């Protein structure tokens, strides 16, 4: 493969002028512009080969250019087309049936293009089905307006969304006081921080109050085991959203739920021309074929576990305090500060590995022992370079820093701190007031 006749820096400068967001596209990325990928390896404009340790932010399950997916996509375009006037196709029928068979929540499926759309569709269905409008949420659900204050516990009266910050205490009080107004509770699992039993308790709490429970498994559906918390973990949910990995990088998302509930999607106004595109459905069906016997997940979890254990060992040997936890296919690596993590990953990038700077690392089925070894070698070189020029501490990462990371990264409050409980009281007062106001969701909880 030959390099394209343009430098990475020149391409980034062009992007700044015509398309890129300074923070999202440039500031939070490393210095490569990629033009091709195979498996989990990417090649940039200057010919550098870099290992992707993010699975393209979770979008890839099997790796780029997987033969079965490539063949399915080519067959779709060559032999069938891309999109039709009808919204119902054989591929949609088969995909809906197979997904519903995989996940206990599923009796009927609605498709869209992205995780942000799927979670919004789920909320609109819940509001249409219940006639209620208050939504209780925890975690990241996408970039639409109602989803944006995901890091900040509080209430936004404009969107009628209250963020309970993963606090069982807060959720219980909000359901007790306002349960009759709640259309749904929607939760993104953070399995490195809240265990399976925690999710079971939240589900039971919703059921006790007669409130719909939505599991946002856009990432975890195929990475917390092979069937997510709803399937592998057995966590009861009224609806489940999923997207990343389902079509191995092709744009599709799904909302699964009970038939009676999902039949409100007309009333919810859910539509979309490209929701009927068949090419990603062909890709998704190919993915389901590939993972059917369990060998893909067995291999990927083994590789992910080796990477996770290796990164933990590297940080311990270098003398950098860290917290490494989570499922093997999507684990978190947390150090004393965001700046320290960024420096380590930026240094590792210069040695040929692209880690997720937010801390959640993900492997694909294209990872073998050679990829694990390369990732660990780059990570160790980067960590040692940073440790040599930075004042770092060894040992266990203090609980206060773990809690700070959770609060900053996904708005989670693993313990009921004084500031969190004060914010809960403020939230209750604002919801109870019942009139529009400034809300609290635009400001963080200050510990």
Protein backbone atom coordinates (compact mmCIF):
# COMPACT_ATOMS: atom_id res chain seq x y z
CA UNK A 1 0.00 0.00 0.00
CA UNK A 2 1.49 3.33 -1.02
CA UNK A 3 0.95 6.54 0.90
CA UNK A 4 -1.27 9.31 -0.43
CA UNK A 5 0.70 12.37 -1.59
CA UNK A 6 -0.25 14.62 1.30
CA UNK A 7 1.06 14.85 4.84
CA UNK A 8 -1.08 14.25 7.91
CA UNK A 9 -0.50 17.83 9.05
CA UNK A 10 -1.52 19.28 5.69
CA UNK A 11 -4.72 17.24 5.65
CA UNK A 12 -5.57 18.37 9.18
CA UNK A 13 -5.02 22.00 8.17
CA UNK A 14 -7.38 21.49 5.21
CA UNK A 15 -9.92 19.92 7.52
CA UNK A 16 -9.75 22.88 9.88
CA UNK A 17 -10.73 25.12 6.98
CA UNK A 18 -13.59 23.10 5.54
CA UNK A 19 -14.98 20.48 7.95
CA UNK A 20 -13.28 19.74 11.27
CA UNK A 21 -14.41 20.66 14.77
CA UNK A 22 -11.33 21.84 16.65
CA UNK A 23 -11.90 19.75 19.78
CA UNK A 24 -13.74 16.66 18.57
CA UNK A 25 -11.87 16.13 15.29
CA UNK A 26 -8.46 17.60 16.09
CA UNK A 27 -7.79 18.34 19.75
CA UNK A 28 -8.88 14.96 21.11
CA UNK A 29 -7.20 12.93 18.34
CA UNK A 30 -3.62 12.07 17.57
CA UNK A 31 -1.74 13.23 14.50
CA UNK A 32 -2.75 10.74 11.79
CA UNK A 33 -5.24 11.00 8.96
CA UNK A 34 -6.05 7.45 7.87
CA UNK A 35 -6.95 6.34 4.37
CA UNK A 36 -7.21 2.57 4.79
CA UNK A 37 -7.51 -0.18 7.38
CA UNK A 38 -7.35 -3.96 7.55
CA UNK A 39 -8.36 -5.91 10.63
CA UNK A 40 -7.36 -3.65 13.50
CA UNK A 41 -4.47 -1.98 11.65
CA UNK A 42 -4.81 1.46 10.07
CA UNK A 43 -2.53 3.21 7.58
CA UNK A 44 -2.21 6.98 7.47
CA UNK A 45 -1.40 9.37 4.64
CA UNK A 46 2.33 9.13 5.30
CA UNK A 47 2.35 5.33 5.18
CA UNK A 48 2.53 4.78 8.95
CA UNK A 49 0.83 1.60 10.18
CA UNK A 50 -1.00 2.10 13.48
CA UNK A 51 -2.89 -0.41 15.61
CA UNK A 52 -6.43 0.62 16.59
CA UNK A 53 -7.07 -0.27 20.24
CA UNK A 54 -10.48 1.44 20.22
CA UNK A 55 -12.32 -0.80 17.71
CA UNK A 56 -13.18 2.46 15.92
CA UNK A 57 -14.86 3.70 19.11
CA UNK A 58 -16.62 0.34 19.38
CA UNK A 59 -18.07 0.33 15.85
CA UNK A 60 -16.03 -2.68 14.75
CA UNK A 61 -16.57 -6.14 16.18
CA UNK A 62 -14.78 -8.31 13.62
CA UNK A 63 -12.27 -5.77 12.28
CA UNK A 64 -12.06 -3.87 9.01
CA UNK A 65 -12.44 -5.74 5.72
CA UNK A 66 -13.74 -8.91 7.32
CA UNK A 67 -14.31 -11.22 4.32
CA UNK A 68 -17.84 -12.29 5.26
CA UNK A 69 -18.99 -8.71 5.77
CA UNK A 70 -17.26 -7.48 2.61
CA UNK A 71 -18.95 -10.22 0.58
CA UNK A 72 -22.36 -9.43 2.12
CA UNK A 73 -22.03 -5.71 1.36
CA UNK A 74 -20.85 -6.29 -2.21
CA UNK A 75 -23.66 -8.79 -2.78
CA UNK A 76 -26.18 -6.30 -1.44
CA UNK A 77 -25.14 -3.48 -3.76
CA UNK A 78 -24.40 -5.67 -6.79
CA UNK A 79 -27.40 -8.00 -6.68
CA UNK A 80 -30.11 -6.14 -4.78
CA UNK A 81 -29.54 -2.37 -4.63
CA UNK A 82 -29.32 0.02 -1.68
CA UNK A 83 -32.75 1.34 -0.69
CA UNK A 84 -36.30 0.90 -1.98
CA UNK A 85 -39.65 2.70 -1.91
CA UNK A 86 -40.99 0.02 0.42
CA UNK A 87 -39.83 0.10 4.03
CA UNK A 88 -40.26 -3.67 4.49
CA UNK A 89 -37.64 -5.97 3.01
CA UNK A 90 -36.65 -9.62 3.59
CA UNK A 91 -33.42 -8.41 5.20
CA UNK A 92 -35.29 -6.24 7.69
CA UNK A 93 -37.60 -9.12 8.59
CA UNK A 94 -34.77 -11.58 9.11
CA UNK A 95 -32.64 -9.13 11.09
CA UNK A 96 -35.55 -8.19 13.37
CA UNK A 97 -36.37 -11.85 14.02
CA UNK A 98 -32.79 -12.79 14.77
CA UNK A 99 -32.12 -9.85 17.10
CA UNK A 100 -35.36 -10.46 18.98
CA UNK A 101 -34.34 -14.11 19.39
CA UNK A 102 -30.98 -13.02 20.89
CA UNK A 103 -32.28 -10.53 23.47
CA UNK A 104 -35.03 -11.28 26.01
CA UNK A 105 -36.46 -7.75 25.76
CA UNK A 106 -37.14 -8.17 22.06
CA UNK A 107 -40.45 -9.07 20.47
CA UNK A 108 -40.36 -6.32 17.85
CA UNK A 109 -37.51 -4.20 16.45
CA UNK A 110 -37.31 -0.71 14.96
CA UNK A 111 -34.23 0.28 12.98
CA UNK A 112 -32.41 3.59 12.52
CA UNK A 113 -28.88 4.71 11.67
CA UNK A 114 -27.09 5.65 14.91
CA UNK A 115 -27.09 5.12 18.65
CA UNK A 116 -28.21 8.72 19.22
CA UNK A 117 -31.26 8.08 17.04
CA UNK A 118 -32.00 4.77 18.75
CA UNK A 119 -32.06 6.22 22.26
CA UNK A 120 -34.19 9.16 21.10
CA UNK A 121 -36.59 6.75 19.40
CA UNK A 122 -36.84 4.71 22.60
CA UNK A 123 -37.70 7.82 24.63
CA UNK A 124 -40.33 8.91 22.10
CA UNK A 125 -41.89 5.44 22.13
CA UNK A 126 -41.95 5.45 25.93
CA UNK A 127 -43.61 8.87 26.04
CA UNK A 128 -46.15 7.87 23.39
CA UNK A 129 -46.95 4.59 25.15
CA UNK A 130 -47.34 6.00 28.66
CA UNK A 131 -48.67 9.50 28.04
CA UNK A 132 -46.03 10.71 30.50
CA UNK A 133 -43.13 13.02 29.73
CA UNK A 134 -40.59 12.96 32.58
CA UNK A 135 -37.45 10.92 31.79
CA UNK A 136 -34.88 9.78 34.36
CA UNK A 137 -31.45 9.10 32.92
CA UNK A 138 -27.89 8.12 33.73
CA UNK A 139 -25.01 7.93 31.28
CA UNK A 140 -24.22 8.94 27.74
CA UNK A 141 -26.99 8.42 25.17
CA UNK A 142 -25.76 10.54 22.24
CA UNK A 143 -25.59 14.12 21.08
CA UNK A 144 -29.22 15.27 20.70
CA UNK A 145 -30.43 18.10 22.92
CA UNK A 146 -32.16 15.96 25.55
CA UNK A 147 -29.01 13.80 25.90
CA UNK A 148 -26.39 16.50 26.29
CA UNK A 149 -26.27 17.06 30.10
CA UNK A 150 -25.21 13.44 30.69
CA UNK A 151 -22.26 14.41 32.90
CA UNK A 152 -24.29 16.58 35.24
CA UNK A 153 -26.78 15.40 37.80
CA UNK A 154 -29.88 17.60 37.83
CA UNK A 155 -33.05 18.50 35.96
CA UNK A 156 -33.62 20.29 32.66
CA UNK A 157 -37.20 21.60 32.58
CA UNK A 158 -37.00 22.32 28.84
CA UNK A 159 -36.53 18.66 27.93
CA UNK A 160 -38.17 17.18 31.05
CA UNK A 161 -35.09 15.03 31.62
CA UNK A 162 -33.59 14.45 35.06
CA UNK A 163 -30.12 12.91 35.44
CA UNK A 164 -29.84 10.79 38.61
CA UNK A 165 -26.10 10.25 38.21
CA UNK A 166 -26.12 6.46 38.73
CA UNK A 167 -27.19 6.99 42.34
CA UNK A 168 -29.66 4.35 43.54
CA UNK A 169 -30.63 6.70 46.34
CA UNK A 170 -31.47 9.44 43.86
CA UNK A 171 -33.36 7.11 41.54
CA UNK A 172 -35.41 5.67 44.39
CA UNK A 173 -36.41 9.10 45.65
CA UNK A 174 -37.27 10.40 42.18
CA UNK A 175 -39.41 7.34 41.44
CA UNK A 176 -41.12 7.57 44.83
CA UNK A 177 -42.01 11.23 44.42
CA UNK A 178 -42.60 11.45 40.67
CA UNK A 179 -43.12 7.89 39.43
CA UNK A 180 -46.59 8.62 38.07
CA UNK A 181 -45.05 11.26 35.77
CA UNK A 182 -42.08 9.17 34.59
CA UNK A 183 -42.24 7.84 31.03
CA UNK A 184 -39.04 5.80 31.40
CA UNK A 185 -35.71 5.34 33.10
CA UNK A 186 -32.90 5.03 30.56
CA UNK A 187 -29.50 3.79 31.69
CA UNK A 188 -26.19 3.25 29.90
CA UNK A 189 -24.30 0.44 31.64
CA UNK A 190 -20.88 1.31 33.01
CA UNK A 191 -19.77 -2.23 33.83
CA UNK A 192 -16.30 -1.23 35.04
CA UNK A 193 -17.99 0.69 37.86
CA UNK A 194 -21.38 -0.89 38.55
CA UNK A 195 -21.67 -4.67 38.70
CA UNK A 196 -24.37 -6.93 37.33
CA UNK A 197 -26.33 -7.03 40.57
CA UNK A 198 -26.46 -3.22 40.63
CA UNK A 199 -28.16 -3.28 37.23
CA UNK A 200 -30.59 -5.95 38.43
CA UNK A 201 -31.51 -3.77 41.41
CA UNK A 202 -32.17 -0.74 39.20
CA UNK A 203 -34.36 -2.86 36.90
CA UNK A 204 -36.35 -4.22 39.87
CA UNK A 205 -36.76 -0.71 41.28
CA UNK A 206 -38.31 0.46 38.02
CA UNK A 207 -40.63 -2.54 37.92
CA UNK A 208 -41.74 -1.92 41.50
CA UNK A 209 -42.81 1.60 40.53
CA UNK A 210 -44.44 0.54 37.25
CA UNK A 211 -41.96 2.55 35.19
CA UNK A 212 -40.47 1.46 31.86
CA UNK A 213 -36.79 0.54 32.03
CA UNK A 214 -34.61 1.11 28.96
CA UNK A 215 -31.12 -0.39 28.76
CA UNK A 216 -28.94 1.65 26.43
CA UNK A 217 -26.72 -1.14 25.13
CA UNK A 218 -25.44 0.75 22.10
CA UNK A 219 -21.94 -0.44 23.09
CA UNK A 220 -22.52 -3.31 25.53
CA UNK A 221 -24.99 -5.37 23.45
CA UNK A 222 -22.14 -7.31 21.84
CA UNK A 223 -19.34 -6.54 24.32
CA UNK A 224 -20.79 -7.53 27.71
CA UNK A 225 -20.63 -11.16 26.75
CA UNK A 226 -22.16 -11.97 23.39
CA UNK A 227 -25.66 -10.72 24.23
CA UNK A 228 -25.15 -7.79 26.57
CA UNK A 229 -26.59 -7.23 30.00
CA UNK A 230 -30.07 -8.04 28.78
CA UNK A 231 -29.12 -11.38 27.22
CA UNK A 232 -25.89 -12.66 28.79
CA UNK A 233 -26.50 -10.85 32.07
CA UNK A 234 -30.24 -11.52 32.31
CA UNK A 235 -31.07 -7.92 33.28
CA UNK A 236 -34.77 -7.36 32.62
CA UNK A 237 -35.58 -4.39 30.39
CA UNK A 238 -38.67 -3.11 28.61
CA UNK A 239 -36.57 -1.78 25.72
CA UNK A 240 -32.96 -2.23 24.64
CA UNK A 241 -31.03 -0.01 22.23
CA UNK A 242 -28.01 -1.29 20.30
CA UNK A 243 -25.76 -0.21 17.46
CA UNK A 244 -21.99 -0.47 17.70
CA UNK A 245 -20.56 -3.64 16.22
CA UNK A 246 -23.88 -5.00 14.99
CA UNK A 247 -22.97 -4.39 11.34
CA UNK A 248 -19.19 -4.21 11.87
CA UNK A 249 -18.86 -0.51 11.11
CA UNK A 250 -21.85 -0.01 8.83
CA UNK A 251 -24.42 2.48 10.08
CA UNK A 252 -27.39 0.79 11.71
CA UNK A 253 -29.01 0.83 15.14
CA UNK A 254 -31.99 -0.94 16.65
CA UNK A 255 -34.55 -0.53 19.40
CA UNK A 256 -35.98 -3.79 20.72
CA UNK A 257 -38.97 -4.12 23.01
CA UNK A 258 -42.25 -5.84 23.73
CA UNK A 259 -44.69 -5.91 20.82
CA UNK A 260 -47.43 -3.90 22.54
CA UNK A 261 -44.94 -1.24 23.59
CA UNK A 262 -43.19 -1.03 20.22
CA UNK A 263 -46.49 -0.69 18.40
CA UNK A 264 -46.52 2.92 19.62
CA UNK A 265 -43.75 3.88 17.20
CA UNK A 266 -46.28 5.36 14.75
CA UNK A 267 -47.58 7.59 17.52
CA UNK A 268 -43.98 8.43 18.43
CA UNK A 269 -43.42 9.77 14.91
CA UNK A 270 -40.45 7.55 14.17
CA UNK A 271 -39.52 7.54 10.48
CA UNK A 272 -36.54 8.00 8.19
CA UNK A 273 -35.72 7.33 4.56
CA UNK A 274 -32.35 5.77 5.26
CA UNK A 275 -33.63 3.58 8.09
CA UNK A 276 -34.70 1.18 5.31
CA UNK A 277 -31.26 0.96 3.66
CA UNK A 278 -30.53 -2.74 3.15
CA UNK A 279 -26.72 -2.71 2.83
CA UNK A 280 -26.06 -2.43 6.59
CA UNK A 281 -28.76 -5.05 7.16
CA UNK A 282 -26.83 -7.46 4.93
CA UNK A 283 -23.71 -6.60 6.94
CA UNK A 284 -25.51 -7.19 10.24
CA UNK A 285 -26.82 -10.57 9.12
CA UNK A 286 -23.27 -11.55 8.15
CA UNK A 287 -22.04 -10.50 11.61
CA UNK A 288 -24.73 -12.60 13.30
CA UNK A 289 -23.67 -15.59 11.20
CA UNK A 290 -20.03 -15.10 12.19
CA UNK A 291 -20.72 -14.89 15.94
CA UNK A 292 -23.36 -17.60 16.09
CA UNK A 293 -21.13 -20.42 17.42
CA UNK A 294 -19.53 -18.27 20.14
CA UNK A 295 -15.95 -18.64 18.91
CA UNK A 296 -15.61 -14.95 17.98
CA UNK A 297 -16.47 -13.83 21.49
CA UNK A 298 -14.36 -16.53 23.11
CA UNK A 299 -11.33 -15.40 21.11
CA UNK A 300 -12.00 -11.67 21.53
CA UNK A 301 -12.49 -11.98 25.28
CA UNK A 302 -9.25 -13.93 25.58
CA UNK A 303 -7.34 -11.26 23.65
CA UNK A 304 -9.04 -8.46 25.59
CA UNK A 305 -8.22 -10.11 28.89
CA UNK A 306 -4.56 -10.44 27.91
CA UNK A 307 -4.47 -6.78 26.94
CA UNK A 308 -6.26 -5.65 30.10
CA UNK A 309 -3.99 -7.68 32.40
CA UNK A 310 -0.94 -6.54 30.46
CA UNK A 311 -1.81 -2.85 30.73
CA UNK A 312 -2.39 -3.26 34.46
CA UNK A 313 1.01 -4.95 34.81
CA UNK A 314 2.76 -2.27 32.74
CA UNK A 315 1.42 0.55 34.89
CA UNK A 316 2.39 -1.30 38.07
CA UNK A 317 5.91 -1.98 36.81
CA UNK A 318 6.39 1.62 35.67
CA UNK A 319 5.06 2.95 38.99
CA UNK A 320 1.91 4.71 37.83
CA UNK A 321 -1.13 4.33 40.07
CA UNK A 322 -4.14 3.14 38.07
CA UNK A 323 -7.53 1.49 38.18
CA UNK A 324 -8.08 -1.14 35.46
CA UNK A 325 -11.46 -2.85 35.41
CA UNK A 326 -14.40 -3.91 33.26
CA UNK A 327 -15.39 -6.60 30.78
CA UNK A 328 -12.59 -8.02 28.67
CA UNK A 329 -13.92 -6.50 25.43
CA UNK A 330 -14.46 -2.98 26.83
CA UNK A 331 -12.39 -2.22 29.90
CA UNK A 332 -11.44 1.07 31.54
CA UNK A 333 -7.91 2.23 32.35
CA UNK A 334 -7.91 5.17 34.76
CA UNK A 335 -4.86 7.06 36.04
CA UNK A 336 -4.51 9.98 38.43
CA UNK A 337 -5.62 12.56 35.86
CA UNK A 338 -6.98 12.99 32.37
CA UNK A 339 -3.79 14.85 31.45
CA UNK A 340 -1.59 11.96 32.56
CA UNK A 341 -3.63 9.44 30.57
CA UNK A 342 -3.54 11.66 27.49
CA UNK A 343 0.25 12.01 27.72
CA UNK A 344 0.69 8.24 27.98
CA UNK A 345 -1.57 7.49 25.02
CA UNK A 346 -0.04 10.28 22.93
CA UNK A 347 3.40 8.79 23.59
CA UNK A 348 2.12 5.28 22.78
CA UNK A 349 0.76 6.60 19.48
CA UNK A 350 4.28 7.57 18.43
CA UNK A 351 5.12 3.87 18.82
CA UNK A 352 2.28 2.72 16.59
CA UNK A 353 -0.79 2.19 18.79
CA UNK A 354 -3.94 4.33 18.96
CA UNK A 355 -5.56 4.00 22.39
CA UNK A 356 -8.83 5.62 23.42
CA UNK A 357 -7.82 8.70 25.39
CA UNK A 358 -11.00 8.59 27.50
CA UNK A 359 -9.72 5.31 28.96
CA UNK A 360 -12.11 2.68 27.53
CA UNK A 361 -10.12 0.24 25.40
CA UNK A 362 -11.81 -2.21 23.01
CA UNK A 363 -10.48 -5.08 20.91
CA UNK A 364 -11.87 -6.67 17.76
CA UNK A 365 -11.88 -10.29 16.69
CA UNK A 366 -8.98 -9.36 14.39
CA UNK A 367 -6.74 -9.08 17.46
CA UNK A 368 -4.27 -11.92 17.86
CA UNK A 369 -1.35 -12.32 20.20
CA UNK A 370 0.81 -10.22 17.86
CA UNK A 371 -1.62 -7.29 18.18
CA UNK A 372 -1.76 -7.65 21.96
CA UNK A 373 2.04 -7.72 22.13
CA UNK A 374 2.35 -4.66 19.88
CA UNK A 375 -0.21 -2.70 21.91
CA UNK A 376 1.53 -3.55 25.19
CA UNK A 377 4.97 -2.70 23.82
CA UNK A 378 3.77 0.70 22.59
CA UNK A 379 1.90 1.32 25.84
CA UNK A 380 4.91 0.44 27.98
CA UNK A 381 7.25 2.65 25.94
CA UNK A 382 4.79 5.52 26.21
CA UNK A 383 4.24 5.03 29.94
CA UNK A 384 7.97 4.92 30.65
CA UNK A 385 8.61 8.05 28.62
CA UNK A 386 5.93 9.93 30.53
CA UNK A 387 6.99 8.60 33.93
CA UNK A 388 10.57 9.71 33.27
CA UNK A 389 9.50 13.34 32.87
CA UNK A 390 6.47 13.48 35.19
CA UNK A 391 6.00 13.29 38.93
CA UNK A 392 3.89 10.14 39.25
CA UNK A 393 2.80 8.01 42.20
CA UNK A 394 2.72 4.22 42.38
CA UNK A 395 0.30 1.91 44.15
CA UNK A 396 -3.47 1.80 44.17
CA UNK A 397 -5.37 4.70 42.66
CA UNK A 398 -7.13 6.46 45.57
CA UNK A 399 -10.89 6.11 45.78
CA UNK A 400 -11.37 9.87 45.56
CA UNK A 401 -9.64 9.90 42.15
CA UNK A 402 -11.71 6.96 40.93
CA UNK A 403 -14.87 8.77 41.97
CA UNK A 404 -13.67 11.97 40.33
CA UNK A 405 -13.06 10.13 37.06
CA UNK A 406 -16.54 8.60 37.11
CA UNK A 407 -18.14 11.97 37.79
CA UNK A 408 -16.15 13.71 35.06
CA UNK A 409 -16.38 10.96 32.43
CA UNK A 410 -20.00 9.87 32.61
CA UNK A 411 -21.67 11.80 35.41
CA UNK A 412 -21.62 8.82 37.75
CA UNK A 413 -21.67 9.06 41.52
CA UNK A 414 -20.69 5.60 42.85
CA UNK A 415 -21.18 6.88 46.41
CA UNK A 416 -23.77 9.29 47.80
CA UNK A 417 -21.61 12.30 48.59
CA UNK A 418 -22.88 15.43 50.30
CA UNK A 419 -22.79 17.52 47.10
CA UNK A 420 -24.62 14.81 45.17
CA UNK A 421 -27.37 14.59 47.76
CA UNK A 422 -27.65 18.39 47.80
CA UNK A 423 -28.07 18.32 44.03
CA UNK A 424 -30.74 15.62 44.44
CA UNK A 425 -32.70 17.85 46.81
CA UNK A 426 -32.43 20.71 44.33
CA UNK A 427 -33.58 18.42 41.51
CA UNK A 428 -36.61 17.26 43.48
CA UNK A 429 -37.55 20.85 44.23
CA UNK A 430 -37.27 21.87 40.57
CA UNK A 431 -39.32 18.96 39.27
CA UNK A 432 -41.93 19.54 41.91
CA UNK A 433 -42.18 23.20 41.04
CA UNK A 434 -43.68 22.22 37.69
CA UNK A 435 -42.82 25.49 35.93
CA UNK A 436 -40.01 26.24 33.45
CA UNK A 437 -36.81 27.50 34.99
CA UNK A 438 -33.05 27.50 34.48
CA UNK A 439 -32.59 23.95 35.81
CA UNK A 440 -29.35 22.48 37.08
CA UNK A 441 -28.25 20.15 34.33
CA UNK A 442 -25.81 22.63 32.76
CA UNK A 443 -23.52 22.66 35.80
CA UNK A 444 -21.45 19.86 37.33
CA UNK A 445 -21.65 18.56 40.85
CA UNK A 446 -18.66 20.00 42.70
CA UNK A 447 -17.10 17.63 45.20
